[in-house]
Amino acid sequence: MKKYIKPALMILAAAVIILQFFRGTPPEVRANNPGDLFANEMVDAEVATLIRNACYDCHSMETKYPWYTYVTPLSWWVFDHVEHGREELNFSEWAGMSIKRKNHKLEEISEETLEGEMPLESYTPLHPEAQLTDEQRQLISDWALSMMTSEE
């Protein structure tokens, strides 16, 4: 059994090295987002900080990619999460959403935050600033519900 460990480790190392040539392309990042939530709405500073820390990496065009997100196969997983997150809700495109869609997303923000579904459990271990207390979850939920408006 011992004689197989070294060759197996060498094959695994070679595979990891080869995979680095196929890491994929990260979703676009933009610093200037005129349609962004915070460019178009007055949001309490504490709530804004919580949303930036817990939501913006996956739900805006302002994603910050740490070094480990460029290591394959982790890069595939992270890039897919960001793309999916932006499809569900992109705070950088807030101004272009209809009131009906905004209200629906605000309701989802409230529910998923209170239920602990967001931010994802897989995100918070490497992003401790995104770990929310029950009070912070309630604060985000209250903010989201207060932002809902009547349809025009």
C-alpha atoms as a PDB file:
ATOM      1  CA  MET A   1       0.000   0.000   0.000  1.00  0.00           C
ATOM      2  CA  LYS A   2       2.816   2.438   0.876  1.00  0.00           C
ATOM      3  CA  LYS A   3       4.377   2.082  -2.569  1.00  0.00           C
ATOM      4  CA  TYR A   4       1.216   3.542  -4.138  1.00  0.00           C
ATOM      5  CA  ILE A   5       1.056   6.690  -1.999  1.00  0.00           C
ATOM      6  CA  LYS A   6       3.977   8.553  -3.585  1.00  0.00           C
ATOM      7  CA  PRO A   7       2.876   7.938  -7.220  1.00  0.00           C
ATOM      8  CA  ALA A   8      -0.696   8.834  -6.320  1.00  0.00           C
ATOM      9  CA  LEU A   9       0.427  12.113  -4.729  1.00  0.00           C
ATOM     10  CA  MET A  10       2.570  12.908  -7.765  1.00  0.00           C
ATOM     11  CA  ILE A  11      -0.370  12.297 -10.107  1.00  0.00           C
ATOM     12  CA  LEU A  12      -2.619  14.453  -7.917  1.00  0.00           C
ATOM     13  CA  ALA A  13      -0.038  17.275  -7.861  1.00  0.00           C
ATOM     14  CA  ALA A  14       0.349  17.102 -11.644  1.00  0.00           C
ATOM     15  CA  ALA A  15      -3.426  17.212 -12.099  1.00  0.00           C
ATOM     16  CA  VAL A  16      -3.723  20.283  -9.859  1.00  0.00           C
ATOM     17  CA  ILE A  17      -0.950  22.032 -11.786  1.00  0.00           C
ATOM     18  CA  ILE A  18      -2.514  21.204 -15.159  1.00  0.00           C
ATOM     19  CA  LEU A  19      -5.933  22.413 -13.956  1.00  0.00           C
ATOM     20  CA  GLN A  20      -4.471  25.881 -13.303  1.00  0.00           C
ATOM     21  CA  PHE A  21      -4.414  26.423 -17.078  1.00  0.00           C
ATOM     22  CA  PHE A  22      -8.207  25.982 -17.157  1.00  0.00           C
ATOM     23  CA  ARG A  23      -9.381  28.233 -14.342  1.00  0.00           C
ATOM     24  CA  GLY A  24     -11.987  30.149 -16.346  1.00  0.00           C
ATOM     25  CA  THR A  25     -12.714  33.848 -16.562  1.00  0.00           C
ATOM     26  CA  PRO A  26     -14.001  35.728 -13.541  1.00  0.00           C
ATOM     27  CA  PRO A  27     -17.240  37.650 -13.970  1.00  0.00           C
ATOM     28  CA  GLU A  28     -16.737  41.322 -14.780  1.00  0.00           C
ATOM     29  CA  VAL A  29     -15.940  43.851 -12.062  1.00  0.00           C
ATOM     30  CA  ARG A  30     -16.773  47.557 -12.383  1.00  0.00           C
ATOM     31  CA  ALA A  31     -16.063  50.334  -9.906  1.00  0.00           C
ATOM     32  CA  ASN A  32     -18.377  52.883 -11.529  1.00  0.00           C
ATOM     33  CA  ASN A  33     -21.970  51.711 -11.280  1.00  0.00           C
ATOM     34  CA  PRO A  34     -24.386  54.633 -11.674  1.00  0.00           C
ATOM     35  CA  GLY A  35     -27.407  52.339 -11.271  1.00  0.00           C
ATOM     36  CA  ASP A  36     -26.143  50.999  -7.942  1.00  0.00           C
ATOM     37  CA  LEU A  37     -28.419  50.791  -4.903  1.00  0.00           C
ATOM     38  CA  PHE A  38     -26.237  53.146  -2.867  1.00  0.00           C
ATOM     39  CA  ALA A  39     -25.977  55.674  -5.719  1.00  0.00           C
ATOM     40  CA  ASN A  40     -29.757  55.868  -5.971  1.00  0.00           C
ATOM     41  CA  GLU A  41     -31.177  55.293  -2.498  1.00  0.00           C
ATOM     42  CA  MET A  42     -30.533  56.743   0.925  1.00  0.00           C
ATOM     43  CA  VAL A  43     -29.414  53.823   3.069  1.00  0.00           C
ATOM     44  CA  ASP A  44     -28.422  54.043   6.717  1.00  0.00           C
ATOM     45  CA  ALA A  45     -24.617  53.774   7.066  1.00  0.00           C
ATOM     46  CA  GLU A  46     -24.794  50.712   9.349  1.00  0.00           C
ATOM     47  CA  VAL A  47     -27.129  48.857   6.980  1.00  0.00           C
ATOM     48  CA  ALA A  48     -25.016  49.884   3.981  1.00  0.00           C
ATOM     49  CA  THR A  49     -21.890  48.464   5.623  1.00  0.00           C
ATOM     50  CA  LEU A  50     -23.655  45.197   6.430  1.00  0.00           C
ATOM     51  CA  ILE A  51     -24.970  44.857   2.877  1.00  0.00           C
ATOM     52  CA  ARG A  52     -21.562  45.652   1.352  1.00  0.00           C
ATOM     53  CA  ASN A  53     -19.815  43.138   3.620  1.00  0.00           C
ATOM     54  CA  ALA A  54     -22.367  40.336   3.389  1.00  0.00           C
ATOM     55  CA  CYS A  55     -23.887  40.722  -0.080  1.00  0.00           C
ATOM     56  CA  TYR A  56     -21.858  42.737  -2.571  1.00  0.00           C
ATOM     57  CA  ASP A  57     -19.254  40.128  -3.542  1.00  0.00           C
ATOM     58  CA  CYS A  58     -21.955  37.973  -5.142  1.00  0.00           C
ATOM     59  CA  HIS A  59     -24.735  40.482  -5.742  1.00  0.00           C
ATOM     60  CA  SER A  60     -23.016  43.450  -7.400  1.00  0.00           C
ATOM     61  CA  MET A  61     -20.452  44.352 -10.035  1.00  0.00           C
ATOM     62  CA  GLU A  62     -18.033  45.230  -7.212  1.00  0.00           C
ATOM     63  CA  THR A  63     -16.886  41.677  -6.486  1.00  0.00           C
ATOM     64  CA  LYS A  64     -13.529  41.361  -4.740  1.00  0.00           C
ATOM     65  CA  TYR A  65     -11.672  38.228  -5.790  1.00  0.00           C
ATOM     66  CA  PRO A  66      -9.128  37.091  -3.172  1.00  0.00           C
ATOM     67  CA  TRP A  67      -6.081  35.133  -4.390  1.00  0.00           C
ATOM     68  CA  TYR A  68      -7.616  31.739  -3.637  1.00  0.00           C
ATOM     69  CA  THR A  69     -10.473  32.366  -6.069  1.00  0.00           C
ATOM     70  CA  TYR A  70      -7.957  31.983  -8.888  1.00  0.00           C
ATOM     71  CA  VAL A  71      -6.999  28.441  -7.865  1.00  0.00           C
ATOM     72  CA  THR A  72      -8.730  25.767  -9.923  1.00  0.00           C
ATOM     73  CA  PRO A  73     -11.106  24.024  -9.236  1.00  0.00           C
ATOM     74  CA  LEU A  74     -12.168  26.557  -6.575  1.00  0.00           C
ATOM     75  CA  SER A  75     -12.251  29.266  -9.269  1.00  0.00           C
ATOM     76  CA  TRP A  76     -14.979  27.397 -11.165  1.00  0.00           C
ATOM     77  CA  TRP A  77     -17.114  27.221  -8.060  1.00  0.00           C
ATOM     78  CA  VAL A  78     -16.620  30.883  -7.056  1.00  0.00           C
ATOM     79  CA  PHE A  79     -17.160  32.263 -10.564  1.00  0.00           C
ATOM     80  CA  ASP A  80     -20.353  30.206 -10.897  1.00  0.00           C
ATOM     81  CA  HIS A  81     -21.629  31.481  -7.533  1.00  0.00           C
ATOM     82  CA  VAL A  82     -20.995  35.094  -8.523  1.00  0.00           C
ATOM     83  CA  GLU A  83     -22.735  34.669 -11.883  1.00  0.00           C
ATOM     84  CA  HIS A  84     -25.729  32.996 -10.247  1.00  0.00           C
ATOM     85  CA  GLY A  85     -25.840  35.593  -7.461  1.00  0.00           C
ATOM     86  CA  ARG A  86     -25.881  38.445  -9.964  1.00  0.00           C
ATOM     87  CA  GLU A  87     -28.644  36.747 -11.962  1.00  0.00           C
ATOM     88  CA  GLU A  88     -30.783  36.573  -8.826  1.00  0.00           C
ATOM     89  CA  LEU A  89     -30.040  40.113  -7.623  1.00  0.00           C
ATOM     90  CA  ASN A  90     -27.510  42.667  -8.801  1.00  0.00           C
ATOM     91  CA  PHE A  91     -27.404  45.745  -6.575  1.00  0.00           C
ATOM     92  CA  SER A  92     -25.350  47.502  -9.272  1.00  0.00           C
ATOM     93  CA  GLU A  93     -28.423  47.438 -11.528  1.00  0.00           C
ATOM     94  CA  TRP A  94     -30.887  48.557  -8.869  1.00  0.00           C
ATOM     95  CA  ALA A  95     -32.008  51.762 -10.619  1.00  0.00           C
ATOM     96  CA  GLY A  96     -33.061  49.862 -13.739  1.00  0.00           C
ATOM     97  CA  MET A  97     -35.388  47.468 -11.931  1.00  0.00           C
ATOM     98  CA  SER A  98     -39.143  47.948 -11.891  1.00  0.00           C
ATOM     99  CA  ILE A  99     -40.816  48.794  -8.588  1.00  0.00           C
ATOM    100  CA  LYS A 100     -42.496  45.382  -8.648  1.00  0.00           C
ATOM    101  CA  ARG A 101     -39.129  43.609  -9.026  1.00  0.00           C
ATOM    102  CA  LYS A 102     -37.503  45.784  -6.347  1.00  0.00           C
ATOM    103  CA  ASN A 103     -40.321  45.005  -3.925  1.00  0.00           C
ATOM    104  CA  HIS A 104     -40.024  41.289  -4.667  1.00  0.00           C
ATOM    105  CA  LYS A 105     -36.245  41.366  -4.131  1.00  0.00           C
ATOM    106  CA  LEU A 106     -36.619  43.391  -0.925  1.00  0.00           C
ATOM    107  CA  GLU A 107     -39.097  40.813   0.385  1.00  0.00           C
ATOM    108  CA  GLU A 108     -36.640  38.016  -0.511  1.00  0.00           C
ATOM    109  CA  ILE A 109     -33.776  39.904   1.176  1.00  0.00           C
ATOM    110  CA  SER A 110     -35.842  40.149   4.341  1.00  0.00           C
ATOM    111  CA  GLU A 111     -36.878  36.490   4.336  1.00  0.00           C
ATOM    112  CA  GLU A 112     -33.558  34.942   3.332  1.00  0.00           C
ATOM    113  CA  THR A 113     -31.569  37.097   5.728  1.00  0.00           C
ATOM    114  CA  LEU A 114     -33.830  36.326   8.688  1.00  0.00           C
ATOM    115  CA  GLU A 115     -33.882  32.613   7.853  1.00  0.00           C
ATOM    116  CA  GLY A 116     -30.054  32.542   7.698  1.00  0.00           C
ATOM    117  CA  GLU A 117     -30.014  31.497   4.046  1.00  0.00           C
ATOM    118  CA  MET A 118     -27.988  34.562   3.091  1.00  0.00           C
ATOM    119  CA  PRO A 119     -25.135  35.048   3.114  1.00  0.00           C
ATOM    120  CA  LEU A 120     -24.332  31.473   2.179  1.00  0.00           C
ATOM    121  CA  GLU A 121     -22.738  29.322   4.863  1.00  0.00           C
ATOM    122  CA  SER A 122     -19.964  28.459   2.407  1.00  0.00           C
ATOM    123  CA  TYR A 123     -19.063  32.170   2.081  1.00  0.00           C
ATOM    124  CA  THR A 124     -18.760  33.247   5.706  1.00  0.00           C
ATOM    125  CA  PRO A 125     -15.823  31.117   6.947  1.00  0.00           C
ATOM    126  CA  LEU A 126     -13.385  32.986   4.689  1.00  0.00           C
ATOM    127  CA  HIS A 127     -15.261  36.288   5.029  1.00  0.00           C
ATOM    128  CA  PRO A 128     -15.797  36.861   8.755  1.00  0.00           C
ATOM    129  CA  GLU A 129     -17.075  40.391   8.086  1.00  0.00           C
ATOM    130  CA  ALA A 130     -20.073  38.765   6.378  1.00  0.00           C
ATOM    131  CA  GLN A 131     -21.106  36.766   9.440  1.00  0.00           C
ATOM    132  CA  LEU A 132     -24.269  38.390  10.722  1.00  0.00           C
ATOM    133  CA  THR A 133     -25.646  38.374  14.227  1.00  0.00           C
ATOM    134  CA  ASP A 134     -29.379  37.941  14.797  1.00  0.00           C
ATOM    135  CA  GLU A 135     -29.617  41.689  15.473  1.00  0.00           C
ATOM    136  CA  GLN A 136     -27.839  42.514  12.215  1.00  0.00           C
ATOM    137  CA  ARG A 137     -30.108  40.129  10.317  1.00  0.00           C
ATOM    138  CA  GLN A 138     -33.120  41.855  11.838  1.00  0.00           C
ATOM    139  CA  LEU A 139     -31.692  45.270  10.925  1.00  0.00           C
ATOM    140  CA  ILE A 140     -31.277  44.256   7.263  1.00  0.00           C
ATOM    141  CA  SER A 141     -34.753  42.718   7.230  1.00  0.00           C
ATOM    142  CA  ASP A 142     -36.333  45.838   8.723  1.00  0.00           C
ATOM    143  CA  TRP A 143     -34.488  48.016   6.198  1.00  0.00           C
ATOM    144  CA  ALA A 144     -35.631  45.852   3.278  1.00  0.00           C
ATOM    145  CA  LEU A 145     -39.252  45.934   4.371  1.00  0.00           C
ATOM    146  CA  SER A 146     -39.110  49.706   4.933  1.00  0.00           C
ATOM    147  CA  MET A 147     -37.800  50.203   1.376  1.00  0.00           C
ATOM    148  CA  MET A 148     -40.820  48.550  -0.227  1.00  0.00           C
ATOM    149  CA  THR A 149     -43.030  51.051  -2.008  1.00  0.00           C
ATOM    150  CA  SER A 150     -46.425  51.143  -3.640  1.00  0.00           C
ATOM    151  CA  GLU A 151     -46.439  50.378  -7.324  1.00  0.00           C
ATOM    152  CA  GLU A 152     -46.939  53.397  -9.519  1.00  0.00           C
END
